[in-house]
Amino acid sequence: MNSFLLSLDSQIYQFINLSYHNPFLDNLSLLICYLGVITTIFIIAILIAYFDKKKGKRVASLLIIGVILSVCLTFLFKYTVLRPRPYTLIDNAILLAVELDPSFPSGHTVNSTVLAYTLTREYNKKIFMLIPLFVGLSRIYIGVHYPSDIICGFILGIFIVILSEKIFDKILFEKIRKTLKD
């Protein structure tokens, strides 16, 4: 990345991270981050499969495939790029959580985008796309990610949802074809 983009990334990070902190916003930001945690998404997938009799199994399957892909691809990017966390380089960062893995991309943002974009596509409700926005902002606010980590996590999450649908549809198509053959 060129120096202008790195500087802009750092300036936006500091603007958000060094903004007004208080116990309510600090706790709210930490709570919002849970929407990007794998366990939370699995629980949501189980609830959807149980309560939505019409397409719950499809949505739950897409979420599970998406999270599996998310874990694999995020790990691959993190340990290929090896970007240090911003709080390790910016002295005055306000840190509300410590993460030990590399910064790029934001796994929480990838996961929350997989959740939100899957729900948006399956239920045709764009409001779900606020989830990764809030998760991403909260990850900067608590001090663990640069804005570019969030943006790339969002893009990767969108890609993963599209890939998950292709995988699911291919598996489903093969299963139907095999059933019809028998």
Protein backbone atom coordinates (compact mmCIF):
# COMPACT_ATOMS: atom_id res chain seq x y z
CA MET A 1 0.00 0.00 0.00
CA ASN A 2 1.36 3.42 -0.78
CA SER A 3 2.21 5.89 1.98
CA PHE A 4 -0.83 8.11 1.30
CA LEU A 5 -3.25 5.20 1.80
CA LEU A 6 -1.40 4.00 4.91
CA SER A 7 -1.52 7.51 6.33
CA LEU A 8 -5.22 7.86 5.54
CA ASP A 9 -5.91 4.45 7.10
CA SER A 10 -4.08 5.50 10.26
CA GLN A 11 -5.82 8.90 10.42
CA ILE A 12 -9.30 7.38 10.08
CA TYR A 13 -8.39 4.74 12.66
CA GLN A 14 -7.28 7.43 15.13
CA PHE A 15 -10.35 9.58 14.44
CA ILE A 16 -12.69 6.68 15.32
CA ASN A 17 -10.57 5.06 18.02
CA LEU A 18 -9.75 8.28 19.83
CA SER A 19 -13.32 9.57 19.63
CA TYR A 20 -15.49 10.05 22.65
CA HIS A 21 -15.25 6.99 24.91
CA ASN A 22 -17.54 6.28 27.83
CA PRO A 23 -18.55 3.07 29.63
CA PHE A 24 -21.83 2.75 27.68
CA LEU A 25 -20.21 3.07 24.21
CA ASP A 26 -17.27 0.90 25.26
CA ASN A 27 -19.58 -1.93 26.41
CA LEU A 28 -21.92 -1.50 23.44
CA SER A 29 -18.98 -1.79 21.03
CA LEU A 30 -17.74 -4.94 22.74
CA LEU A 31 -21.28 -6.39 22.62
CA ILE A 32 -21.72 -5.56 18.92
CA CYS A 33 -18.53 -7.49 18.16
CA TYR A 34 -20.32 -10.70 19.15
CA LEU A 35 -22.29 -10.49 15.88
CA GLY A 36 -19.02 -11.42 14.16
CA VAL A 37 -18.20 -14.38 16.41
CA ILE A 38 -18.52 -17.84 14.90
CA THR A 39 -20.44 -19.26 17.88
CA THR A 40 -23.05 -16.50 17.61
CA ILE A 41 -23.56 -17.23 13.91
CA PHE A 42 -23.93 -20.96 14.57
CA ILE A 43 -26.57 -20.23 17.22
CA ILE A 44 -28.40 -17.93 14.78
CA ALA A 45 -28.21 -20.65 12.10
CA ILE A 46 -29.72 -23.23 14.49
CA LEU A 47 -32.52 -20.84 15.48
CA ILE A 48 -33.30 -20.06 11.84
CA ALA A 49 -33.34 -23.78 10.93
CA TYR A 50 -35.72 -24.47 13.83
CA PHE A 51 -38.12 -21.53 13.48
CA ASP A 52 -38.22 -20.91 9.72
CA LYS A 53 -39.98 -23.97 8.34
CA LYS A 54 -40.01 -22.62 4.79
CA LYS A 55 -36.33 -22.00 4.04
CA GLY A 56 -34.59 -22.24 7.38
CA LYS A 57 -32.54 -25.30 6.49
CA ARG A 58 -31.23 -23.62 3.34
CA VAL A 59 -30.34 -20.41 5.21
CA ALA A 60 -28.71 -22.33 8.06
CA SER A 61 -26.72 -24.44 5.60
CA LEU A 62 -25.55 -21.35 3.74
CA LEU A 63 -24.47 -19.74 7.02
CA ILE A 64 -22.53 -22.83 8.09
CA ILE A 65 -20.83 -23.19 4.70
CA GLY A 66 -20.08 -19.45 4.79
CA VAL A 67 -18.53 -19.55 8.26
CA ILE A 68 -16.36 -22.55 7.34
CA LEU A 69 -15.11 -20.71 4.23
CA SER A 70 -14.68 -17.55 6.28
CA VAL A 71 -12.46 -19.25 8.84
CA CYS A 72 -10.31 -20.84 6.13
CA LEU A 73 -9.94 -17.77 3.88
CA THR A 74 -9.49 -15.30 6.73
CA PHE A 75 -6.75 -17.47 8.24
CA LEU A 76 -5.06 -17.72 4.83
CA PHE A 77 -5.10 -13.92 4.34
CA LYS A 78 -4.08 -13.11 7.91
CA TYR A 79 -1.03 -15.34 7.82
CA THR A 80 -0.07 -14.38 4.28
CA VAL A 81 -0.28 -10.60 4.78
CA LEU A 82 0.86 -10.58 8.46
CA ARG A 83 -0.30 -7.02 9.12
CA PRO A 84 0.33 -5.94 12.71
CA ARG A 85 -2.56 -4.72 14.83
CA PRO A 86 -2.85 -0.91 14.91
CA TYR A 87 -2.41 -0.70 18.67
CA THR A 88 1.07 -2.20 18.28
CA LEU A 89 2.11 0.74 16.07
CA ILE A 90 0.01 3.67 17.30
CA ASP A 91 1.10 4.73 20.77
CA ASN A 92 -2.00 6.63 21.85
CA ALA A 93 -4.56 4.02 20.72
CA ILE A 94 -7.38 3.27 23.13
CA LEU A 95 -7.48 -0.49 23.50
CA LEU A 96 -10.58 -2.28 24.84
CA ALA A 97 -9.64 -5.78 23.66
CA VAL A 98 -6.44 -7.58 22.75
CA GLU A 99 -6.17 -9.76 19.67
CA LEU A 100 -3.05 -11.82 19.10
CA ASP A 101 -3.46 -12.80 15.45
CA PRO A 102 -2.62 -10.50 12.52
CA SER A 103 -4.96 -7.63 11.70
CA PHE A 104 -5.78 -8.07 8.00
CA PRO A 105 -8.60 -8.76 7.23
CA SER A 106 -11.05 -8.36 10.09
CA GLY A 107 -12.44 -11.83 10.78
CA HIS A 108 -15.35 -10.36 12.75
CA THR A 109 -16.28 -8.23 9.74
CA VAL A 110 -15.95 -11.18 7.35
CA ASN A 111 -18.19 -13.31 9.59
CA SER A 112 -20.77 -10.58 10.21
CA THR A 113 -20.90 -9.86 6.46
CA VAL A 114 -21.48 -13.56 5.78
CA LEU A 115 -24.35 -13.45 8.29
CA ALA A 116 -25.84 -10.18 7.05
CA TYR A 117 -25.46 -10.72 3.31
CA THR A 118 -26.87 -14.26 3.52
CA LEU A 119 -29.89 -12.97 5.45
CA THR A 120 -30.27 -10.05 3.05
CA ARG A 121 -30.24 -12.30 -0.01
CA GLU A 122 -32.49 -14.97 1.48
CA TYR A 123 -35.06 -12.71 3.17
CA ASN A 124 -34.75 -9.66 0.91
CA LYS A 125 -34.19 -7.30 3.86
CA LYS A 126 -31.36 -4.83 3.27
CA ILE A 127 -31.48 -3.69 6.91
CA PHE A 128 -29.30 -6.71 7.80
CA MET A 129 -26.39 -5.00 6.04
CA LEU A 130 -26.14 -2.61 8.98
CA ILE A 131 -24.67 -5.50 11.00
CA PRO A 132 -21.21 -5.53 9.36
CA LEU A 133 -21.17 -1.72 9.36
CA PHE A 134 -21.63 -1.63 13.13
CA VAL A 135 -19.31 -4.58 13.73
CA GLY A 136 -16.60 -2.97 11.60
CA LEU A 137 -16.89 0.41 13.31
CA SER A 138 -16.83 -1.28 16.71
CA ARG A 139 -13.63 -3.16 15.80
CA ILE A 140 -11.93 0.17 15.01
CA TYR A 141 -13.44 1.84 18.10
CA ILE A 142 -12.12 -0.89 20.43
CA GLY A 143 -8.67 -0.49 18.86
CA VAL A 144 -8.01 -3.75 17.04
CA HIS A 145 -8.44 -2.93 13.31
CA TYR A 146 -7.62 -0.38 10.67
CA PRO A 147 -10.44 0.77 8.35
CA SER A 148 -8.86 -1.10 5.41
CA ASP A 149 -9.04 -4.35 7.43
CA ILE A 150 -12.78 -3.72 7.75
CA ILE A 151 -13.34 -2.80 4.09
CA CYS A 152 -11.45 -5.85 2.84
CA GLY A 153 -13.24 -8.06 5.39
CA PHE A 154 -16.55 -6.80 4.03
CA ILE A 155 -15.54 -7.53 0.43
CA LEU A 156 -14.27 -10.99 1.37
CA GLY A 157 -17.54 -11.70 3.20
CA ILE A 158 -19.58 -10.80 0.11
CA PHE A 159 -17.40 -13.09 -2.01
CA ILE A 160 -17.82 -15.93 0.52
CA VAL A 161 -21.63 -15.67 0.45
CA ILE A 162 -21.67 -15.92 -3.35
CA LEU A 163 -19.27 -18.87 -3.20
CA SER A 164 -21.37 -20.53 -0.46
CA GLU A 165 -24.47 -20.28 -2.60
CA LYS A 166 -22.68 -21.86 -5.56
CA ILE A 167 -21.38 -24.70 -3.37
CA PHE A 168 -24.78 -25.26 -1.75
CA ASP A 169 -26.66 -25.16 -5.05
CA LYS A 170 -24.19 -27.58 -6.67
CA ILE A 171 -24.49 -30.03 -3.75
CA LEU A 172 -28.27 -29.70 -3.77
CA PHE A 173 -28.44 -30.09 -7.55
CA GLU A 174 -26.27 -33.22 -7.41
CA LYS A 175 -28.41 -34.66 -4.61
CA ILE A 176 -31.66 -34.05 -6.56
CA ARG A 177 -30.15 -35.45 -9.76
CA LYS A 178 -28.96 -38.56 -7.92
CA THR A 179 -32.39 -39.01 -6.29
CA LEU A 180 -34.14 -38.70 -9.65
CA LYS A 181 -31.72 -41.20 -11.19
CA ASP A 182 -32.53 -43.83 -8.54
